[in-house]
Amino acid sequence: MKDYLTHFLFGYYPYICLTVFLLGSLIRFDRDQYTWKSDSSQLLRAGQLRWGSNLFHVGILFLFFGHSVGMLTPHFVYSPFISAGAKQLLAMVSGGLFGLFGFVGVSLLLHRRLSDVRIRATSKTSDIVLLWLLWLQFALGLATIPLSAQHLDGGMMMLLAEWAQRIVTFRSGAPELLAEASWVFRAHMFLGMTIFLVFPFTRLVHVWSGFGTLAYLWRPYQLVRSRRVGLGGPQAMR
């Protein structure tokens, strides 16, 4: 039973989450564009939101890209420049710092949403559930640091990276790599996949709009002509 659960959670579940993440986001954008927003509550109370939101976004963006590069880059690419142990130590220090930023930020956001009567009244259930999921995910991530410190040879990080690379390249044997991993690592990975699973049903979809904003910077100029004769010629504008 334990082997079956491990194979499902770390062999099949990742593909379920990624499929729902991509198709769910596409379907929501196609059918419910009016719900495609961050639903900011800044007008109700701005002070605590400013600190919480900034810390949260700095922390989670660094961790997202750090995890993506760290786990999906094959060992042979970075081995001439940095050892597995040094890479693990770098991940522990930087991940711990930005993980702490994110944890403090999401704690402020969660406290604000639960303690303010007006914000609580305008909150959806998905808003509160999402914040609790993120809070727990940051807590589990920070909890992996003392465990990683017990084995600074980089072996565990290599196994986790190999698992991720086998998943994205559709190779077999990925679940077996986690047989000796601590439950903290596995819980952290499971919850991370679950956040991708619930992504299309929460306000997190506004992350896609952020990529659209970046694309806007490189959009070609549009030629705009005035309809009123004599009031200026063509003007180039974004």
C-alpha atoms as a PDB file:
ATOM      1  CA  MET A   1       0.000   0.000   0.000  1.00  0.00           C
ATOM      2  CA  LYS A   2       2.844   2.373   0.870  1.00  0.00           C
ATOM      3  CA  ASP A   3       4.585   1.660  -2.455  1.00  0.00           C
ATOM      4  CA  TYR A   4       1.337   2.241  -4.368  1.00  0.00           C
ATOM      5  CA  LEU A   5       0.775   5.562  -2.591  1.00  0.00           C
ATOM      6  CA  THR A   6       4.356   6.653  -3.299  1.00  0.00           C
ATOM      7  CA  HIS A   7       3.993   5.764  -6.984  1.00  0.00           C
ATOM      8  CA  PHE A   8       0.712   7.643  -7.240  1.00  0.00           C
ATOM      9  CA  LEU A   9       1.812  10.792  -5.364  1.00  0.00           C
ATOM     10  CA  PHE A  10       5.233  11.103  -6.999  1.00  0.00           C
ATOM     11  CA  GLY A  11       4.678   9.302 -10.275  1.00  0.00           C
ATOM     12  CA  TYR A  12       1.154  10.136 -11.476  1.00  0.00           C
ATOM     13  CA  TYR A  13       0.034  13.050  -9.311  1.00  0.00           C
ATOM     14  CA  PRO A  14       2.574  15.500 -10.830  1.00  0.00           C
ATOM     15  CA  TYR A  15       1.069  14.975 -14.284  1.00  0.00           C
ATOM     16  CA  ILE A  16      -2.466  15.391 -12.947  1.00  0.00           C
ATOM     17  CA  CYS A  17      -1.467  18.686 -11.323  1.00  0.00           C
ATOM     18  CA  LEU A  18       0.326  20.017 -14.396  1.00  0.00           C
ATOM     19  CA  THR A  19      -2.561  19.054 -16.679  1.00  0.00           C
ATOM     20  CA  VAL A  20      -5.142  20.783 -14.477  1.00  0.00           C
ATOM     21  CA  PHE A  21      -2.793  23.762 -14.075  1.00  0.00           C
ATOM     22  CA  LEU A  22      -2.436  24.338 -17.830  1.00  0.00           C
ATOM     23  CA  LEU A  23      -5.868  23.309 -19.119  1.00  0.00           C
ATOM     24  CA  GLY A  24      -7.688  24.831 -16.144  1.00  0.00           C
ATOM     25  CA  SER A  25      -5.963  28.186 -16.666  1.00  0.00           C
ATOM     26  CA  LEU A  26      -6.792  28.140 -20.379  1.00  0.00           C
ATOM     27  CA  ILE A  27     -10.448  27.238 -19.803  1.00  0.00           C
ATOM     28  CA  ARG A  28     -10.880  29.878 -17.090  1.00  0.00           C
ATOM     29  CA  PHE A  29      -9.368  32.552 -19.314  1.00  0.00           C
ATOM     30  CA  ASP A  30     -11.658  31.499 -22.159  1.00  0.00           C
ATOM     31  CA  ARG A  31     -14.872  31.278 -20.136  1.00  0.00           C
ATOM     32  CA  ASP A  32     -14.513  33.518 -17.057  1.00  0.00           C
ATOM     33  CA  GLN A  33     -12.304  36.448 -17.935  1.00  0.00           C
ATOM     34  CA  TYR A  34     -14.147  38.745 -15.515  1.00  0.00           C
ATOM     35  CA  THR A  35     -12.833  36.600 -12.644  1.00  0.00           C
ATOM     36  CA  TRP A  36      -9.254  36.813 -13.961  1.00  0.00           C
ATOM     37  CA  LYS A  37      -7.898  39.324 -11.441  1.00  0.00           C
ATOM     38  CA  SER A  38      -5.969  39.620  -8.190  1.00  0.00           C
ATOM     39  CA  ASP A  39      -9.033  40.803  -6.195  1.00  0.00           C
ATOM     40  CA  SER A  40      -6.920  43.250  -4.215  1.00  0.00           C
ATOM     41  CA  SER A  41      -8.351  44.478  -0.903  1.00  0.00           C
ATOM     42  CA  GLN A  42      -6.005  47.454  -0.724  1.00  0.00           C
ATOM     43  CA  LEU A  43      -8.879  49.952  -0.562  1.00  0.00           C
ATOM     44  CA  LEU A  44     -10.093  48.356   2.666  1.00  0.00           C
ATOM     45  CA  ARG A  45      -6.731  48.519   4.439  1.00  0.00           C
ATOM     46  CA  ALA A  46      -3.375  49.261   2.847  1.00  0.00           C
ATOM     47  CA  GLY A  47      -0.733  49.381   5.588  1.00  0.00           C
ATOM     48  CA  GLN A  48      -0.242  45.734   6.442  1.00  0.00           C
ATOM     49  CA  LEU A  49      -0.909  44.723   2.850  1.00  0.00           C
ATOM     50  CA  ARG A  50       2.080  46.712   1.621  1.00  0.00           C
ATOM     51  CA  TRP A  51       4.575  44.904   3.853  1.00  0.00           C
ATOM     52  CA  GLY A  52       2.956  41.498   3.545  1.00  0.00           C
ATOM     53  CA  SER A  53       2.513  41.613  -0.224  1.00  0.00           C
ATOM     54  CA  ASN A  54       6.033  42.873  -0.944  1.00  0.00           C
ATOM     55  CA  LEU A  55       7.717  40.319   1.300  1.00  0.00           C
ATOM     56  CA  PHE A  56       5.541  37.532  -0.041  1.00  0.00           C
ATOM     57  CA  HIS A  57       6.133  38.350  -3.697  1.00  0.00           C
ATOM     58  CA  VAL A  58       9.891  38.816  -3.297  1.00  0.00           C
ATOM     59  CA  GLY A  59      10.137  35.514  -1.443  1.00  0.00           C
ATOM     60  CA  ILE A  60       7.942  33.391  -3.686  1.00  0.00           C
ATOM     61  CA  LEU A  61       9.325  34.719  -6.980  1.00  0.00           C
ATOM     62  CA  PHE A  62      12.908  34.016  -5.949  1.00  0.00           C
ATOM     63  CA  LEU A  63      12.004  30.560  -4.672  1.00  0.00           C
ATOM     64  CA  PHE A  64       9.990  29.672  -7.758  1.00  0.00           C
ATOM     65  CA  PHE A  65      12.779  30.519 -10.183  1.00  0.00           C
ATOM     66  CA  GLY A  66      15.433  29.181  -7.815  1.00  0.00           C
ATOM     67  CA  HIS A  67      13.664  25.837  -7.496  1.00  0.00           C
ATOM     68  CA  SER A  68      13.038  25.676 -11.251  1.00  0.00           C
ATOM     69  CA  VAL A  69      16.669  26.317 -12.186  1.00  0.00           C
ATOM     70  CA  GLY A  70      18.125  24.300  -9.315  1.00  0.00           C
ATOM     71  CA  MET A  71      16.015  21.179  -9.816  1.00  0.00           C
ATOM     72  CA  LEU A  72      15.708  21.136 -13.601  1.00  0.00           C
ATOM     73  CA  THR A  73      19.348  21.864 -14.476  1.00  0.00           C
ATOM     74  CA  PRO A  74      21.258  18.599 -15.039  1.00  0.00           C
ATOM     75  CA  HIS A  75      24.245  18.000 -12.784  1.00  0.00           C
ATOM     76  CA  PHE A  76      26.758  17.906 -15.655  1.00  0.00           C
ATOM     77  CA  VAL A  77      25.880  21.504 -16.602  1.00  0.00           C
ATOM     78  CA  TYR A  78      27.037  23.046 -13.323  1.00  0.00           C
ATOM     79  CA  SER A  79      29.490  20.409 -12.048  1.00  0.00           C
ATOM     80  CA  PRO A  80      32.539  22.107 -13.712  1.00  0.00           C
ATOM     81  CA  PHE A  81      31.777  25.290 -11.763  1.00  0.00           C
ATOM     82  CA  ILE A  82      30.287  24.214  -8.435  1.00  0.00           C
ATOM     83  CA  SER A  83      30.104  20.957  -6.500  1.00  0.00           C
ATOM     84  CA  ALA A  84      26.836  19.346  -5.432  1.00  0.00           C
ATOM     85  CA  GLY A  85      27.613  20.110  -1.787  1.00  0.00           C
ATOM     86  CA  ALA A  86      28.354  23.789  -2.478  1.00  0.00           C
ATOM     87  CA  LYS A  87      25.183  24.031  -4.581  1.00  0.00           C
ATOM     88  CA  GLN A  88      23.178  22.587  -1.718  1.00  0.00           C
ATOM     89  CA  LEU A  89      24.710  25.050   0.761  1.00  0.00           C
ATOM     90  CA  LEU A  90      23.916  27.938  -1.593  1.00  0.00           C
ATOM     91  CA  ALA A  91      20.336  26.706  -1.889  1.00  0.00           C
ATOM     92  CA  MET A  92      20.019  26.430   1.893  1.00  0.00           C
ATOM     93  CA  VAL A  93      21.287  29.958   2.565  1.00  0.00           C
ATOM     94  CA  SER A  94      19.438  31.757  -0.232  1.00  0.00           C
ATOM     95  CA  GLY A  95      16.332  29.603   0.108  1.00  0.00           C
ATOM     96  CA  GLY A  96      16.285  30.123   3.857  1.00  0.00           C
ATOM     97  CA  LEU A  97      16.558  33.899   3.523  1.00  0.00           C
ATOM     98  CA  PHE A  98      13.901  34.318   0.856  1.00  0.00           C
ATOM     99  CA  GLY A  99      11.789  31.583   2.403  1.00  0.00           C
ATOM    100  CA  LEU A 100      11.752  33.611   5.597  1.00  0.00           C
ATOM    101  CA  PHE A 101      10.718  36.700   3.617  1.00  0.00           C
ATOM    102  CA  GLY A 102       7.854  34.772   2.062  1.00  0.00           C
ATOM    103  CA  PHE A 103       6.799  33.184   5.348  1.00  0.00           C
ATOM    104  CA  VAL A 104       6.654  36.533   7.159  1.00  0.00           C
ATOM    105  CA  GLY A 105       4.817  38.077   4.210  1.00  0.00           C
ATOM    106  CA  VAL A 106       2.151  35.388   3.931  1.00  0.00           C
ATOM    107  CA  SER A 107       1.737  35.391   7.728  1.00  0.00           C
ATOM    108  CA  LEU A 108       0.972  39.119   7.593  1.00  0.00           C
ATOM    109  CA  LEU A 109      -1.467  38.601   4.738  1.00  0.00           C
ATOM    110  CA  LEU A 110      -3.195  35.730   6.517  1.00  0.00           C
ATOM    111  CA  HIS A 111      -3.481  37.659   9.795  1.00  0.00           C
ATOM    112  CA  ARG A 112      -4.823  40.692   7.942  1.00  0.00           C
ATOM    113  CA  ARG A 113      -7.464  38.669   6.104  1.00  0.00           C
ATOM    114  CA  LEU A 114      -8.633  36.804   9.205  1.00  0.00           C
ATOM    115  CA  SER A 115      -8.508  39.626  11.756  1.00  0.00           C
ATOM    116  CA  ASP A 116     -10.109  42.466   9.777  1.00  0.00           C
ATOM    117  CA  VAL A 117     -13.902  42.095   9.777  1.00  0.00           C
ATOM    118  CA  ARG A 118     -14.444  43.900   6.475  1.00  0.00           C
ATOM    119  CA  ILE A 119     -11.710  42.008   4.639  1.00  0.00           C
ATOM    120  CA  ARG A 120     -12.905  38.697   6.065  1.00  0.00           C
ATOM    121  CA  ALA A 121     -16.456  39.474   4.892  1.00  0.00           C
ATOM    122  CA  THR A 122     -15.288  40.143   1.320  1.00  0.00           C
ATOM    123  CA  SER A 123     -12.945  37.132   1.187  1.00  0.00           C
ATOM    124  CA  LYS A 124     -13.754  33.994  -0.739  1.00  0.00           C
ATOM    125  CA  THR A 125     -13.164  30.587   0.797  1.00  0.00           C
ATOM    126  CA  SER A 126     -10.520  29.983  -1.864  1.00  0.00           C
ATOM    127  CA  ASP A 127      -8.621  33.091  -0.695  1.00  0.00           C
ATOM    128  CA  ILE A 128      -8.278  31.809   2.859  1.00  0.00           C
ATOM    129  CA  VAL A 129      -7.538  28.213   1.842  1.00  0.00           C
ATOM    130  CA  LEU A 130      -4.854  29.420  -0.564  1.00  0.00           C
ATOM    131  CA  LEU A 131      -3.157  31.531   2.104  1.00  0.00           C
ATOM    132  CA  TRP A 132      -3.123  28.588   4.516  1.00  0.00           C
ATOM    133  CA  LEU A 133      -1.639  26.351   1.808  1.00  0.00           C
ATOM    134  CA  LEU A 134       1.075  28.899   1.067  1.00  0.00           C
ATOM    135  CA  TRP A 135       1.769  29.428   4.782  1.00  0.00           C
ATOM    136  CA  LEU A 136       2.187  25.686   5.310  1.00  0.00           C
ATOM    137  CA  GLN A 137       4.327  25.358   2.190  1.00  0.00           C
ATOM    138  CA  PHE A 138       6.729  28.053   3.377  1.00  0.00           C
ATOM    139  CA  ALA A 139       6.846  26.449   6.840  1.00  0.00           C
ATOM    140  CA  LEU A 140       7.659  23.034   5.362  1.00  0.00           C
ATOM    141  CA  GLY A 141      10.303  24.558   3.115  1.00  0.00           C
ATOM    142  CA  LEU A 142      12.024  26.188   6.092  1.00  0.00           C
ATOM    143  CA  ALA A 143      11.759  22.892   8.003  1.00  0.00           C
ATOM    144  CA  THR A 144      13.797  21.119   5.306  1.00  0.00           C
ATOM    145  CA  ILE A 145      16.849  23.309   6.005  1.00  0.00           C
ATOM    146  CA  PRO A 146      17.894  21.641   9.307  1.00  0.00           C
ATOM    147  CA  LEU A 147      17.441  18.249   7.644  1.00  0.00           C
ATOM    148  CA  SER A 148      19.589  19.305   4.691  1.00  0.00           C
ATOM    149  CA  ALA A 149      22.251  20.582   7.093  1.00  0.00           C
ATOM    150  CA  GLN A 150      22.718  17.028   8.374  1.00  0.00           C
ATOM    151  CA  HIS A 151      23.912  15.883   4.934  1.00  0.00           C
ATOM    152  CA  LEU A 152      25.996  18.550   3.215  1.00  0.00           C
ATOM    153  CA  ASP A 153      27.343  16.257   0.512  1.00  0.00           C
ATOM    154  CA  GLY A 154      24.493  17.273  -1.797  1.00  0.00           C
ATOM    155  CA  GLY A 155      23.198  13.722  -2.138  1.00  0.00           C
ATOM    156  CA  MET A 156      19.593  14.463  -1.196  1.00  0.00           C
ATOM    157  CA  MET A 157      19.412  17.514  -3.420  1.00  0.00           C
ATOM    158  CA  MET A 158      20.744  15.417  -6.291  1.00  0.00           C
ATOM    159  CA  LEU A 159      17.987  12.847  -5.744  1.00  0.00           C
ATOM    160  CA  LEU A 160      15.269  15.515  -5.641  1.00  0.00           C
ATOM    161  CA  ALA A 161      16.633  17.136  -8.803  1.00  0.00           C
ATOM    162  CA  GLU A 162      16.813  13.761 -10.548  1.00  0.00           C
ATOM    163  CA  TRP A 163      13.190  13.106  -9.583  1.00  0.00           C
ATOM    164  CA  ALA A 164      12.068  16.428 -11.093  1.00  0.00           C
ATOM    165  CA  GLN A 165      14.087  15.889 -14.270  1.00  0.00           C
ATOM    166  CA  ARG A 166      12.659  12.406 -14.760  1.00  0.00           C
ATOM    167  CA  ILE A 167       9.135  13.739 -14.308  1.00  0.00           C
ATOM    168  CA  VAL A 168       9.485  16.520 -16.905  1.00  0.00           C
ATOM    169  CA  THR A 169      11.230  14.209 -19.383  1.00  0.00           C
ATOM    170  CA  PHE A 170       8.696  11.377 -18.881  1.00  0.00           C
ATOM    171  CA  ARG A 171      11.300   8.867 -17.712  1.00  0.00           C
ATOM    172  CA  SER A 172      10.490   5.956 -15.423  1.00  0.00           C
ATOM    173  CA  GLY A 173      11.851   5.339 -11.951  1.00  0.00           C
ATOM    174  CA  ALA A 174      11.094   8.774 -10.482  1.00  0.00           C
ATOM    175  CA  PRO A 175       9.063   7.633  -7.406  1.00  0.00           C
ATOM    176  CA  GLU A 176      11.753   5.138  -6.326  1.00  0.00           C
ATOM    177  CA  LEU A 177      14.230   7.985  -5.912  1.00  0.00           C
ATOM    178  CA  LEU A 178      12.225   9.336  -2.971  1.00  0.00           C
ATOM    179  CA  ALA A 179      12.063   6.104  -1.012  1.00  0.00           C
ATOM    180  CA  GLU A 180      14.609   7.324   1.555  1.00  0.00           C
ATOM    181  CA  ALA A 181      13.550  10.969   1.607  1.00  0.00           C
ATOM    182  CA  SER A 182      12.206  12.419   4.864  1.00  0.00           C
ATOM    183  CA  TRP A 183       8.466  12.921   5.137  1.00  0.00           C
ATOM    184  CA  VAL A 184       9.156  16.670   5.408  1.00  0.00           C
ATOM    185  CA  PHE A 185      10.682  16.754   1.920  1.00  0.00           C
ATOM    186  CA  ARG A 186       7.871  14.639   0.509  1.00  0.00           C
ATOM    187  CA  ALA A 187       5.169  16.735   2.182  1.00  0.00           C
ATOM    188  CA  HIS A 188       6.819  19.890   0.832  1.00  0.00           C
ATOM    189  CA  MET A 189       6.855  18.446  -2.682  1.00  0.00           C
ATOM    190  CA  PHE A 190       3.285  17.152  -2.460  1.00  0.00           C
ATOM    191  CA  LEU A 191       1.967  20.507  -1.254  1.00  0.00           C
ATOM    192  CA  GLY A 192       3.902  22.329  -3.964  1.00  0.00           C
ATOM    193  CA  MET A 193       2.232  20.162  -6.610  1.00  0.00           C
ATOM    194  CA  THR A 194      -1.152  20.714  -4.951  1.00  0.00           C
ATOM    195  CA  ILE A 195      -0.735  24.486  -5.245  1.00  0.00           C
ATOM    196  CA  PHE A 196      -0.338  24.003  -9.010  1.00  0.00           C
ATOM    197  CA  LEU A 197      -3.490  21.856  -8.922  1.00  0.00           C
ATOM    198  CA  VAL A 198      -5.640  24.573  -7.282  1.00  0.00           C
ATOM    199  CA  PHE A 199      -3.973  27.404  -9.223  1.00  0.00           C
ATOM    200  CA  PRO A 200      -6.690  27.813 -11.915  1.00  0.00           C
ATOM    201  CA  PHE A 201      -9.459  28.036  -9.286  1.00  0.00           C
ATOM    202  CA  THR A 202      -7.891  30.841  -7.238  1.00  0.00           C
ATOM    203  CA  ARG A 203      -6.695  34.405  -7.637  1.00  0.00           C
ATOM    204  CA  LEU A 204      -3.248  33.038  -8.504  1.00  0.00           C
ATOM    205  CA  VAL A 205      -4.264  33.107 -12.171  1.00  0.00           C
ATOM    206  CA  HIS A 206      -3.286  36.785 -12.228  1.00  0.00           C
ATOM    207  CA  VAL A 207       0.332  35.539 -12.341  1.00  0.00           C
ATOM    208  CA  TRP A 208      -0.216  34.805 -16.046  1.00  0.00           C
ATOM    209  CA  SER A 209      -1.122  38.461 -16.544  1.00  0.00           C
ATOM    210  CA  GLY A 210       2.257  39.407 -15.121  1.00  0.00           C
ATOM    211  CA  PHE A 211       3.948  37.659 -18.044  1.00  0.00           C
ATOM    212  CA  GLY A 212       1.619  39.565 -20.362  1.00  0.00           C
ATOM    213  CA  THR A 213       2.743  42.827 -18.751  1.00  0.00           C
ATOM    214  CA  LEU A 214       6.369  41.984 -19.515  1.00  0.00           C
ATOM    215  CA  ALA A 215       5.466  41.222 -23.119  1.00  0.00           C
ATOM    216  CA  TYR A 216       3.839  44.661 -23.317  1.00  0.00           C
ATOM    217  CA  LEU A 217       7.268  46.285 -22.932  1.00  0.00           C
ATOM    218  CA  TRP A 218       8.425  44.786 -26.244  1.00  0.00           C
ATOM    219  CA  ARG A 219       5.198  45.336 -28.145  1.00  0.00           C
ATOM    220  CA  PRO A 220       5.723  47.356 -31.364  1.00  0.00           C
ATOM    221  CA  TYR A 221       4.473  50.925 -31.496  1.00  0.00           C
ATOM    222  CA  GLN A 222       0.988  51.580 -32.803  1.00  0.00           C
ATOM    223  CA  LEU A 223       0.318  54.373 -35.258  1.00  0.00           C
ATOM    224  CA  VAL A 224      -2.600  56.493 -34.038  1.00  0.00           C
ATOM    225  CA  ARG A 225      -4.162  59.177 -36.241  1.00  0.00           C
ATOM    226  CA  SER A 226      -6.501  61.870 -35.039  1.00  0.00           C
ATOM    227  CA  ARG A 227      -9.987  61.912 -36.591  1.00  0.00           C
ATOM    228  CA  ARG A 228     -10.056  65.716 -36.435  1.00  0.00           C
ATOM    229  CA  VAL A 229      -8.246  67.307 -39.376  1.00  0.00           C
ATOM    230  CA  GLY A 230      -5.524  69.780 -38.494  1.00  0.00           C
ATOM    231  CA  LEU A 231      -5.018  68.603 -34.915  1.00  0.00           C
ATOM    232  CA  GLY A 232      -1.663  66.996 -35.360  1.00  0.00           C
ATOM    233  CA  GLY A 233      -0.304  64.191 -37.425  1.00  0.00           C
ATOM    234  CA  PRO A 234       0.294  60.579 -36.591  1.00  0.00           C
ATOM    235  CA  GLN A 235       1.481  59.865 -33.080  1.00  0.00           C
ATOM    236  CA  ALA A 236       3.360  56.766 -32.026  1.00  0.00           C
ATOM    237  CA  MET A 237       2.227  55.331 -28.776  1.00  0.00           C
ATOM    238  CA  ARG A 238       2.121  52.065 -26.870  1.00  0.00           C
END
